[in-house]
């Protein structure tokens, strides 16, 4: 079994968290869904630092970001599956 590079906590999540260093654009990542221990693969479209997120599907400006099965903010740009998700394209809804 390979070591996962991306974790998703809940089947409803639309972002996963990079859990290893050195993820580069074009890397095929093993993703594990901790809710049910299932897995899938996704290709990173950018270099992504450990602890940052990757979009699990195509998402539109204004869509809600879901992590841990919870609303963590809104996308402020269109994002394609495999793209880096961070403060440049995701903002809190608090203010």
PDB file of N, CA and C in Angstrom:
ATOM      1  N   UNK A   1       0.844  -1.199   0.000  1.00  0.00           N
ATOM      2  CA  UNK A   1       0.000   0.000   0.000  1.00  0.00           C
ATOM      3  C   UNK A   1       0.881   1.251   0.000  1.00  0.00           C
ATOM      4  N   UNK A   2       0.497   2.229  -0.764  1.00  0.00           N
ATOM      5  CA  UNK A   2       1.225   3.491  -0.839  1.00  0.00           C
ATOM      6  C   UNK A   2       0.825   4.406   0.308  1.00  0.00           C
ATOM      7  N   UNK A   3       1.668   5.374   0.579  1.00  0.00           N
ATOM      8  CA  UNK A   3       1.395   6.369   1.614  1.00  0.00           C
ATOM      9  C   UNK A   3       0.535   7.470   1.005  1.00  0.00           C
ATOM     10  N   UNK A   4      -0.587   7.835   1.650  1.00  0.00           N
ATOM     11  CA  UNK A   4      -1.422   8.917   1.093  1.00  0.00           C
ATOM     12  C   UNK A   4      -0.701  10.261   1.146  1.00  0.00           C
ATOM     13  N   UNK A   5      -0.947  11.064   0.105  1.00  0.00           N
ATOM     14  CA  UNK A   5      -0.402  12.417   0.054  1.00  0.00           C
ATOM     15  C   UNK A   5      -1.479  13.469   0.302  1.00  0.00           C
ATOM     16  N   UNK A   6      -2.739  13.049   0.239  1.00  0.00           N
ATOM     17  CA  UNK A   6      -3.870  13.958   0.392  1.00  0.00           C
ATOM     18  C   UNK A   6      -4.908  13.267   1.259  1.00  0.00           C
ATOM     19  N   UNK A   7      -5.471  14.004   2.227  1.00  0.00           N
ATOM     20  CA  UNK A   7      -6.525  13.455   3.081  1.00  0.00           C
ATOM     21  C   UNK A   7      -7.811  14.240   2.898  1.00  0.00           C
ATOM     22  N   UNK A   8      -8.900  13.505   2.850  1.00  0.00           N
ATOM     23  CA  UNK A   8     -10.249  14.063   2.847  1.00  0.00           C
ATOM     24  C   UNK A   8     -10.927  13.458   4.072  1.00  0.00           C
ATOM     25  N   UNK A   9     -11.590  14.286   4.855  1.00  0.00           N
ATOM     26  CA  UNK A   9     -12.152  13.804   6.107  1.00  0.00           C
ATOM     27  C   UNK A   9     -13.576  13.307   5.983  1.00  0.00           C
ATOM     28  N   UNK A  10     -14.336  13.867   5.082  1.00  0.00           N
ATOM     29  CA  UNK A  10     -15.768  13.583   4.977  1.00  0.00           C
ATOM     30  C   UNK A  10     -16.121  13.457   3.494  1.00  0.00           C
ATOM     31  N   UNK A  11     -16.975  12.536   3.143  1.00  0.00           N
ATOM     32  CA  UNK A  11     -17.377  12.339   1.741  1.00  0.00           C
ATOM     33  C   UNK A  11     -17.966  13.603   1.116  1.00  0.00           C
ATOM     34  N   UNK A  12     -18.501  14.519   1.936  1.00  0.00           N
ATOM     35  CA  UNK A  12     -19.086  15.765   1.410  1.00  0.00           C
ATOM     36  C   UNK A  12     -18.038  16.820   1.085  1.00  0.00           C
ATOM     37  N   UNK A  13     -16.807  16.629   1.531  1.00  0.00           N
ATOM     38  CA  UNK A  13     -15.749  17.622   1.319  1.00  0.00           C
ATOM     39  C   UNK A  13     -15.484  17.841  -0.171  1.00  0.00           C
ATOM     40  N   UNK A  14     -15.189  19.088  -0.525  1.00  0.00           N
ATOM     41  CA  UNK A  14     -14.799  19.376  -1.907  1.00  0.00           C
ATOM     42  C   UNK A  14     -13.345  19.850  -1.999  1.00  0.00           C
ATOM     43  N   UNK A  15     -12.636  19.779  -0.860  1.00  0.00           N
ATOM     44  CA  UNK A  15     -11.197  20.028  -0.819  1.00  0.00           C
ATOM     45  C   UNK A  15     -10.540  18.943   0.026  1.00  0.00           C
ATOM     46  N   UNK A  16      -9.294  18.642  -0.315  1.00  0.00           N
ATOM     47  CA  UNK A  16      -8.495  17.714   0.479  1.00  0.00           C
ATOM     48  C   UNK A  16      -7.241  18.429   0.941  1.00  0.00           C
ATOM     49  N   UNK A  17      -6.603  17.899   1.990  1.00  0.00           N
ATOM     50  CA  UNK A  17      -5.430  18.533   2.587  1.00  0.00           C
ATOM     51  C   UNK A  17      -4.165  17.744   2.236  1.00  0.00           C
ATOM     52  N   UNK A  18      -3.167  18.455   1.723  1.00  0.00           N
ATOM     53  CA  UNK A  18      -1.871  17.848   1.412  1.00  0.00           C
ATOM     54  C   UNK A  18      -1.172  17.517   2.731  1.00  0.00           C
ATOM     55  N   UNK A  19      -0.724  16.259   2.869  1.00  0.00           N
ATOM     56  CA  UNK A  19      -0.131  15.819   4.139  1.00  0.00           C
ATOM     57  C   UNK A  19       1.336  15.394   4.001  1.00  0.00           C
ATOM     58  N   UNK A  20       1.944  15.699   2.858  1.00  0.00           N
ATOM     59  CA  UNK A  20       3.366  15.420   2.649  1.00  0.00           C
ATOM     60  C   UNK A  20       4.018  16.647   2.018  1.00  0.00           C
ATOM     61  N   UNK A  21       5.325  16.731   2.150  1.00  0.00           N
ATOM     62  CA  UNK A  21       6.060  17.819   1.502  1.00  0.00           C
ATOM     63  C   UNK A  21       6.438  17.412   0.084  1.00  0.00           C
ATOM     64  N   UNK A  22       6.622  18.408  -0.769  1.00  0.00           N
ATOM     65  CA  UNK A  22       7.155  18.159  -2.099  1.00  0.00           C
ATOM     66  C   UNK A  22       6.135  17.872  -3.182  1.00  0.00           C
ATOM     67  N   UNK A  23       4.838  18.181  -2.959  1.00  0.00           N
ATOM     68  CA  UNK A  23       3.850  17.969  -4.015  1.00  0.00           C
ATOM     69  C   UNK A  23       4.100  18.985  -5.127  1.00  0.00           C
ATOM     70  N   UNK A  24       4.269  18.478  -6.345  1.00  0.00           N
ATOM     71  CA  UNK A  24       4.556  19.327  -7.496  1.00  0.00           C
ATOM     72  C   UNK A  24       3.473  19.168  -8.557  1.00  0.00           C
ATOM     73  N   UNK A  25       3.332  20.196  -9.376  1.00  0.00           N
ATOM     74  CA  UNK A  25       2.378  20.153 -10.486  1.00  0.00           C
ATOM     75  C   UNK A  25       2.624  18.897 -11.308  1.00  0.00           C
ATOM     76  N   UNK A  26       1.549  18.195 -11.627  1.00  0.00           N
ATOM     77  CA  UNK A  26       1.636  16.971 -12.415  1.00  0.00           C
ATOM     78  C   UNK A  26       1.723  15.697 -11.598  1.00  0.00           C
ATOM     79  N   UNK A  27       1.982  15.823 -10.299  1.00  0.00           N
ATOM     80  CA  UNK A  27       2.033  14.627  -9.446  1.00  0.00           C
ATOM     81  C   UNK A  27       0.652  13.997  -9.333  1.00  0.00           C
ATOM     82  N   UNK A  28       0.602  12.673  -9.454  1.00  0.00           N
ATOM     83  CA  UNK A  28      -0.634  11.945  -9.183  1.00  0.00           C
ATOM     84  C   UNK A  28      -0.607  11.577  -7.700  1.00  0.00           C
ATOM     85  N   UNK A  29      -1.610  12.046  -6.964  1.00  0.00           N
ATOM     86  CA  UNK A  29      -1.645  11.880  -5.516  1.00  0.00           C
ATOM     87  C   UNK A  29      -2.627  10.796  -5.113  1.00  0.00           C
ATOM     88  N   UNK A  30      -2.229  10.006  -4.129  1.00  0.00           N
ATOM     89  CA  UNK A  30      -3.145   9.060  -3.501  1.00  0.00           C
ATOM     90  C   UNK A  30      -3.894   9.801  -2.410  1.00  0.00           C
ATOM     91  N   UNK A  31      -5.201   9.806  -2.497  1.00  0.00           N
ATOM     92  CA  UNK A  31      -6.050  10.465  -1.502  1.00  0.00           C
ATOM     93  C   UNK A  31      -6.832   9.419  -0.734  1.00  0.00           C
ATOM     94  N   UNK A  32      -6.844   9.533   0.574  1.00  0.00           N
ATOM     95  CA  UNK A  32      -7.623   8.649   1.438  1.00  0.00           C
ATOM     96  C   UNK A  32      -8.727   9.456   2.104  1.00  0.00           C
ATOM     97  N   UNK A  33      -9.942   8.902   2.084  1.00  0.00           N
ATOM     98  CA  UNK A  33     -11.094   9.500   2.755  1.00  0.00           C
ATOM     99  C   UNK A  33     -11.178   8.848   4.131  1.00  0.00           C
ATOM    100  N   UNK A  34     -10.894   9.614   5.177  1.00  0.00           N
ATOM    101  CA  UNK A  34     -10.812   9.027   6.515  1.00  0.00           C
ATOM    102  C   UNK A  34     -12.167   8.556   7.047  1.00  0.00           C
ATOM    103  N   UNK A  35     -13.248   9.125   6.534  1.00  0.00           N
ATOM    104  CA  UNK A  35     -14.588   8.741   6.985  1.00  0.00           C
ATOM    105  C   UNK A  35     -14.850   7.252   6.761  1.00  0.00           C
ATOM    106  N   UNK A  36     -14.387   6.732   5.616  1.00  0.00           N
ATOM    107  CA  UNK A  36     -14.681   5.330   5.299  1.00  0.00           C
ATOM    108  C   UNK A  36     -13.453   4.550   4.814  1.00  0.00           C
ATOM    109  N   UNK A  37     -12.285   5.164   4.898  1.00  0.00           N
ATOM    110  CA  UNK A  37     -11.016   4.554   4.498  1.00  0.00           C
ATOM    111  C   UNK A  37     -10.967   4.178   3.015  1.00  0.00           C
ATOM    112  N   UNK A  38     -11.793   4.827   2.206  1.00  0.00           N
ATOM    113  CA  UNK A  38     -11.716   4.617   0.761  1.00  0.00           C
ATOM    114  C   UNK A  38     -10.586   5.481   0.206  1.00  0.00           C
ATOM    115  N   UNK A  39     -10.243   5.264  -1.050  1.00  0.00           N
ATOM    116  CA  UNK A  39      -9.192   6.084  -1.647  1.00  0.00           C
ATOM    117  C   UNK A  39      -9.482   6.342  -3.113  1.00  0.00           C
ATOM    118  N   UNK A  40      -8.799   7.342  -3.650  1.00  0.00           N
ATOM    119  CA  UNK A  40      -8.860   7.674  -5.066  1.00  0.00           C
ATOM    120  C   UNK A  40      -7.586   8.435  -5.404  1.00  0.00           C
ATOM    121  N   UNK A  41      -7.397   8.706  -6.674  1.00  0.00           N
ATOM    122  CA  UNK A  41      -6.211   9.458  -7.118  1.00  0.00           C
ATOM    123  C   UNK A  41      -6.646  10.753  -7.784  1.00  0.00           C
ATOM    124  N   UNK A  42      -5.812  11.770  -7.631  1.00  0.00           N
ATOM    125  CA  UNK A  42      -6.061  13.068  -8.239  1.00  0.00           C
ATOM    126  C   UNK A  42      -4.710  13.647  -8.656  1.00  0.00           C
ATOM    127  N   UNK A  43      -4.692  14.383  -9.748  1.00  0.00           N
ATOM    128  CA  UNK A  43      -3.461  14.999 -10.236  1.00  0.00           C
ATOM    129  C   UNK A  43      -3.404  16.457  -9.795  1.00  0.00           C
ATOM    130  N   UNK A  44      -2.304  16.825  -9.136  1.00  0.00           N
ATOM    131  CA  UNK A  44      -2.098  18.213  -8.702  1.00  0.00           C
ATOM    132  C   UNK A  44      -1.785  19.083  -9.913  1.00  0.00           C
ATOM    133  N   UNK A  45      -2.458  20.213 -10.018  1.00  0.00           N
ATOM    134  CA  UNK A  45      -2.208  21.130 -11.125  1.00  0.00           C
ATOM    135  C   UNK A  45      -1.146  22.178 -10.795  1.00  0.00           C
ATOM    136  N   UNK A  46      -0.795  22.300  -9.515  1.00  0.00           N
ATOM    137  CA  UNK A  46       0.217  23.267  -9.070  1.00  0.00           C
ATOM    138  C   UNK A  46       1.113  22.599  -8.030  1.00  0.00           C
ATOM    139  N   UNK A  47       2.244  23.219  -7.741  1.00  0.00           N
ATOM    140  CA  UNK A  47       3.018  22.847  -6.559  1.00  0.00           C
ATOM    141  C   UNK A  47       2.169  23.270  -5.362  1.00  0.00           C
ATOM    142  N   UNK A  48       2.026  22.389  -4.368  1.00  0.00           N
ATOM    143  CA  UNK A  48       1.174  22.699  -3.214  1.00  0.00           C
ATOM    144  C   UNK A  48       1.929  22.354  -1.934  1.00  0.00           C
ATOM    145  N   UNK A  49       2.102  23.329  -1.040  1.00  0.00           N
ATOM    146  CA  UNK A  49       2.802  23.074   0.224  1.00  0.00           C
ATOM    147  C   UNK A  49       1.996  22.162   1.156  1.00  0.00           C
ATOM    148  N   UNK A  50       2.688  21.486   2.025  1.00  0.00           N
ATOM    149  CA  UNK A  50       2.047  20.663   3.047  1.00  0.00           C
ATOM    150  C   UNK A  50       1.089  21.536   3.865  1.00  0.00           C
ATOM    151  N   UNK A  51      -0.077  21.001   4.177  1.00  0.00           N
ATOM    152  CA  UNK A  51      -1.078  21.716   4.968  1.00  0.00           C
ATOM    153  C   UNK A  51      -2.052  22.538   4.142  1.00  0.00           C
ATOM    154  N   UNK A  52      -1.743  22.755   2.868  1.00  0.00           N
ATOM    155  CA  UNK A  52      -2.642  23.499   1.988  1.00  0.00           C
ATOM    156  C   UNK A  52      -3.638  22.534   1.347  1.00  0.00           C
ATOM    157  N   UNK A  53      -4.631  23.085   0.682  1.00  0.00           N
ATOM    158  CA  UNK A  53      -5.719  22.287   0.136  1.00  0.00           C
ATOM    159  C   UNK A  53      -5.657  22.192  -1.385  1.00  0.00           C
ATOM    160  N   UNK A  54      -6.322  21.136  -1.894  1.00  0.00           N
ATOM    161  CA  UNK A  54      -6.478  20.915  -3.326  1.00  0.00           C
ATOM    162  C   UNK A  54      -7.963  20.706  -3.599  1.00  0.00           C
ATOM    163  N   UNK A  55      -8.460  21.316  -4.684  1.00  0.00           N
ATOM    164  CA  UNK A  55      -9.857  21.155  -5.082  1.00  0.00           C
ATOM    165  C   UNK A  55     -10.085  19.732  -5.597  1.00  0.00           C
ATOM    166  N   UNK A  56     -11.169  19.111  -5.142  1.00  0.00           N
ATOM    167  CA  UNK A  56     -11.488  17.747  -5.542  1.00  0.00           C
ATOM    168  C   UNK A  56     -12.393  17.689  -6.771  1.00  0.00           C
ATOM    169  N   UNK A  57     -12.916  18.841  -7.171  1.00  0.00           N
ATOM    170  CA  UNK A  57     -13.769  18.936  -8.359  1.00  0.00           C
ATOM    171  C   UNK A  57     -13.673  20.357  -8.886  1.00  0.00           C
ATOM    172  N   UNK A  58     -14.255  20.598 -10.044  1.00  0.00           N
ATOM    173  CA  UNK A  58     -14.337  21.959 -10.559  1.00  0.00           C
ATOM    174  C   UNK A  58     -15.305  22.738  -9.671  1.00  0.00           C
ATOM    175  N   UNK A  59     -14.914  23.945  -9.269  1.00  0.00           N
ATOM    176  CA  UNK A  59     -15.709  24.768  -8.361  1.00  0.00           C
ATOM    177  C   UNK A  59     -15.812  26.182  -8.921  1.00  0.00           C
ATOM    178  N   UNK A  60     -16.942  26.811  -8.687  1.00  0.00           N
ATOM    179  CA  UNK A  60     -17.182  28.147  -9.253  1.00  0.00           C
ATOM    180  C   UNK A  60     -17.023  29.235  -8.205  1.00  0.00           C
ATOM    181  N   UNK A  61     -16.673  30.423  -8.673  1.00  0.00           N
ATOM    182  CA  UNK A  61     -16.631  31.610  -7.826  1.00  0.00           C
ATOM    183  C   UNK A  61     -17.969  31.706  -7.076  1.00  0.00           C
ATOM    184  N   UNK A  62     -17.909  31.817  -5.752  1.00  0.00           N
ATOM    185  CA  UNK A  62     -19.111  31.913  -4.930  1.00  0.00           C
ATOM    186  C   UNK A  62     -19.535  30.600  -4.307  1.00  0.00           C
ATOM    187  N   UNK A  63     -19.008  29.474  -4.798  1.00  0.00           N
ATOM    188  CA  UNK A  63     -19.335  28.173  -4.193  1.00  0.00           C
ATOM    189  C   UNK A  63     -18.787  28.095  -2.774  1.00  0.00           C
ATOM    190  N   UNK A  64     -19.406  27.271  -1.974  1.00  0.00           N
ATOM    191  CA  UNK A  64     -18.975  27.040  -0.597  1.00  0.00           C
ATOM    192  C   UNK A  64     -17.891  25.970  -0.559  1.00  0.00           C
ATOM    193  N   UNK A  65     -16.837  26.232   0.207  1.00  0.00           N
ATOM    194  CA  UNK A  65     -15.782  25.252   0.436  1.00  0.00           C
ATOM    195  C   UNK A  65     -16.193  24.379   1.615  1.00  0.00           C
ATOM    196  N   UNK A  66     -16.084  23.071   1.438  1.00  0.00           N
ATOM    197  CA  UNK A  66     -16.462  22.117   2.482  1.00  0.00           C
ATOM    198  C   UNK A  66     -15.238  21.297   2.877  1.00  0.00           C
ATOM    199  N   UNK A  67     -14.904  21.320   4.175  1.00  0.00           N
ATOM    200  CA  UNK A  67     -13.812  20.540   4.755  1.00  0.00           C
ATOM    201  C   UNK A  67     -14.310  20.026   6.098  1.00  0.00           C
ATOM    202  N   UNK A  68     -14.003  18.793   6.439  1.00  0.00           N
ATOM    203  CA  UNK A  68     -14.533  18.146   7.652  1.00  0.00           C
ATOM    204  C   UNK A  68     -16.058  18.076   7.602  1.00  0.00           C
ATOM    205  N   UNK A  69     -16.640  18.141   6.400  1.00  0.00           N
ATOM    206  CA  UNK A  69     -18.092  18.149   6.266  1.00  0.00           C
ATOM    207  C   UNK A  69     -18.722  19.473   6.652  1.00  0.00           C
ATOM    208  N   UNK A  70     -17.905  20.501   6.838  1.00  0.00           N
ATOM    209  CA  UNK A  70     -18.371  21.808   7.307  1.00  0.00           C
ATOM    210  C   UNK A  70     -18.001  22.916   6.323  1.00  0.00           C
ATOM    211  N   UNK A  71     -18.789  23.965   6.322  1.00  0.00           N
ATOM    212  CA  UNK A  71     -18.545  25.165   5.527  1.00  0.00           C
ATOM    213  C   UNK A  71     -17.328  25.891   6.111  1.00  0.00           C
ATOM    214  N   UNK A  72     -16.275  26.045   5.300  1.00  0.00           N
ATOM    215  CA  UNK A  72     -15.080  26.763   5.780  1.00  0.00           C
ATOM    216  C   UNK A  72     -14.866  28.074   5.047  1.00  0.00           C
ATOM    217  N   UNK A  73     -15.770  28.429   4.125  1.00  0.00           N
ATOM    218  CA  UNK A  73     -15.624  29.689   3.405  1.00  0.00           C
ATOM    219  C   UNK A  73     -16.204  29.605   2.015  1.00  0.00           C
ATOM    220  N   UNK A  74     -15.884  30.636   1.212  1.00  0.00           N
ATOM    221  CA  UNK A  74     -16.383  30.660  -0.162  1.00  0.00           C
ATOM    222  C   UNK A  74     -15.230  30.902  -1.120  1.00  0.00           C
ATOM    223  N   UNK A  75     -15.371  30.302  -2.292  1.00  0.00           N
ATOM    224  CA  UNK A  75     -14.371  30.490  -3.337  1.00  0.00           C
ATOM    225  C   UNK A  75     -14.583  31.857  -3.972  1.00  0.00           C
ATOM    226  N   UNK A  76     -13.482  32.561  -4.214  1.00  0.00           N
ATOM    227  CA  UNK A  76     -13.550  33.895  -4.812  1.00  0.00           C
ATOM    228  C   UNK A  76     -12.971  33.887  -6.231  1.00  0.00           C
ATOM    229  N   UNK A  77     -12.874  32.694  -6.790  1.00  0.00           N
ATOM    230  CA  UNK A  77     -12.427  32.502  -8.176  1.00  0.00           C
ATOM    231  C   UNK A  77     -12.910  31.128  -8.621  1.00  0.00           C
ATOM    232  N   UNK A  78     -13.036  30.950  -9.923  1.00  0.00           N
ATOM    233  CA  UNK A  78     -13.310  29.615 -10.449  1.00  0.00           C
ATOM    234  C   UNK A  78     -12.059  28.768 -10.246  1.00  0.00           C
ATOM    235  N   UNK A  79     -12.247  27.511  -9.875  1.00  0.00           N
ATOM    236  CA  UNK A  79     -11.133  26.618  -9.573  1.00  0.00           C
ATOM    237  C   UNK A  79     -11.394  25.288 -10.268  1.00  0.00           C
ATOM    238  N   UNK A  80     -10.373  24.729 -10.879  1.00  0.00           N
ATOM    239  CA  UNK A  80     -10.483  23.425 -11.528  1.00  0.00           C
ATOM    240  C   UNK A  80     -10.024  22.322 -10.581  1.00  0.00           C
ATOM    241  N   UNK A  81     -10.550  21.135 -10.817  1.00  0.00           N
ATOM    242  CA  UNK A  81     -10.129  19.952 -10.063  1.00  0.00           C
ATOM    243  C   UNK A  81      -8.611  19.852 -10.090  1.00  0.00           C
ATOM    244  N   UNK A  82      -8.009  19.656  -8.906  1.00  0.00           N
ATOM    245  CA  UNK A  82      -6.561  19.505  -8.791  1.00  0.00           C
ATOM    246  C   UNK A  82      -5.808  20.784  -8.505  1.00  0.00           C
ATOM    247  N   UNK A  83      -6.511  21.930  -8.518  1.00  0.00           N
ATOM    248  CA  UNK A  83      -5.832  23.207  -8.273  1.00  0.00           C
ATOM    249  C   UNK A  83      -5.609  23.457  -6.775  1.00  0.00           C
ATOM    250  N   UNK A  84      -4.582  24.256  -6.507  1.00  0.00           N
ATOM    251  CA  UNK A  84      -4.227  24.697  -5.155  1.00  0.00           C
ATOM    252  C   UNK A  84      -5.336  25.605  -4.619  1.00  0.00           C
ATOM    253  N   UNK A  85      -5.792  25.330  -3.415  1.00  0.00           N
ATOM    254  CA  UNK A  85      -6.801  26.158  -2.743  1.00  0.00           C
ATOM    255  C   UNK A  85      -6.144  26.776  -1.516  1.00  0.00           C
ATOM    256  N   UNK A  86      -6.167  28.102  -1.439  1.00  0.00           N
ATOM    257  CA  UNK A  86      -5.612  28.806  -0.277  1.00  0.00           C
ATOM    258  C   UNK A  86      -6.191  30.215  -0.262  1.00  0.00           C
ATOM    259  N   UNK A  87      -5.565  31.128   0.428  1.00  0.00           N
ATOM    260  CA  UNK A  87      -6.121  32.472   0.627  1.00  0.00           C
ATOM    261  C   UNK A  87      -6.244  33.287  -0.662  1.00  0.00           C
ATOM    262  N   UNK A  88      -5.594  32.881  -1.725  1.00  0.00           N
ATOM    263  CA  UNK A  88      -5.696  33.612  -2.993  1.00  0.00           C
ATOM    264  C   UNK A  88      -7.012  33.306  -3.720  1.00  0.00           C
ATOM    265  N   UNK A  89      -7.692  32.220  -3.347  1.00  0.00           N
ATOM    266  CA  UNK A  89      -8.951  31.879  -4.015  1.00  0.00           C
ATOM    267  C   UNK A  89     -10.039  31.378  -3.063  1.00  0.00           C
ATOM    268  N   UNK A  90      -9.803  31.489  -1.760  1.00  0.00           N
ATOM    269  CA  UNK A  90     -10.766  31.077  -0.741  1.00  0.00           C
ATOM    270  C   UNK A  90     -10.782  32.109   0.385  1.00  0.00           C
ATOM    271  N   UNK A  91     -11.959  32.570   0.739  1.00  0.00           N
ATOM    272  CA  UNK A  91     -12.086  33.565   1.810  1.00  0.00           C
ATOM    273  C   UNK A  91     -13.143  33.112   2.825  1.00  0.00           C
ATOM    274  N   UNK A  92     -12.980  33.534   4.048  1.00  0.00           N
ATOM    275  CA  UNK A  92     -13.967  33.268   5.081  1.00  0.00           C
ATOM    276  C   UNK A  92     -15.261  34.018   4.784  1.00  0.00           C
ATOM    277  N   UNK A  93     -16.356  33.522   5.311  1.00  0.00           N
ATOM    278  CA  UNK A  93     -17.634  34.226   5.179  1.00  0.00           C
ATOM    279  C   UNK A  93     -17.906  35.111   6.399  1.00  0.00           C
ATOM    280  N   UNK A  94     -16.995  35.112   7.339  1.00  0.00           N
ATOM    281  CA  UNK A  94     -17.201  35.855   8.587  1.00  0.00           C
ATOM    282  C   UNK A  94     -17.182  37.364   8.387  1.00  0.00           C
ATOM    283  N   UNK A  95     -16.353  37.859   7.484  1.00  0.00           N
ATOM    284  CA  UNK A  95     -16.277  39.302   7.245  1.00  0.00           C
ATOM    285  C   UNK A  95     -15.872  39.587   5.834  1.00  0.00           C
TER     286      UNK A  95
END
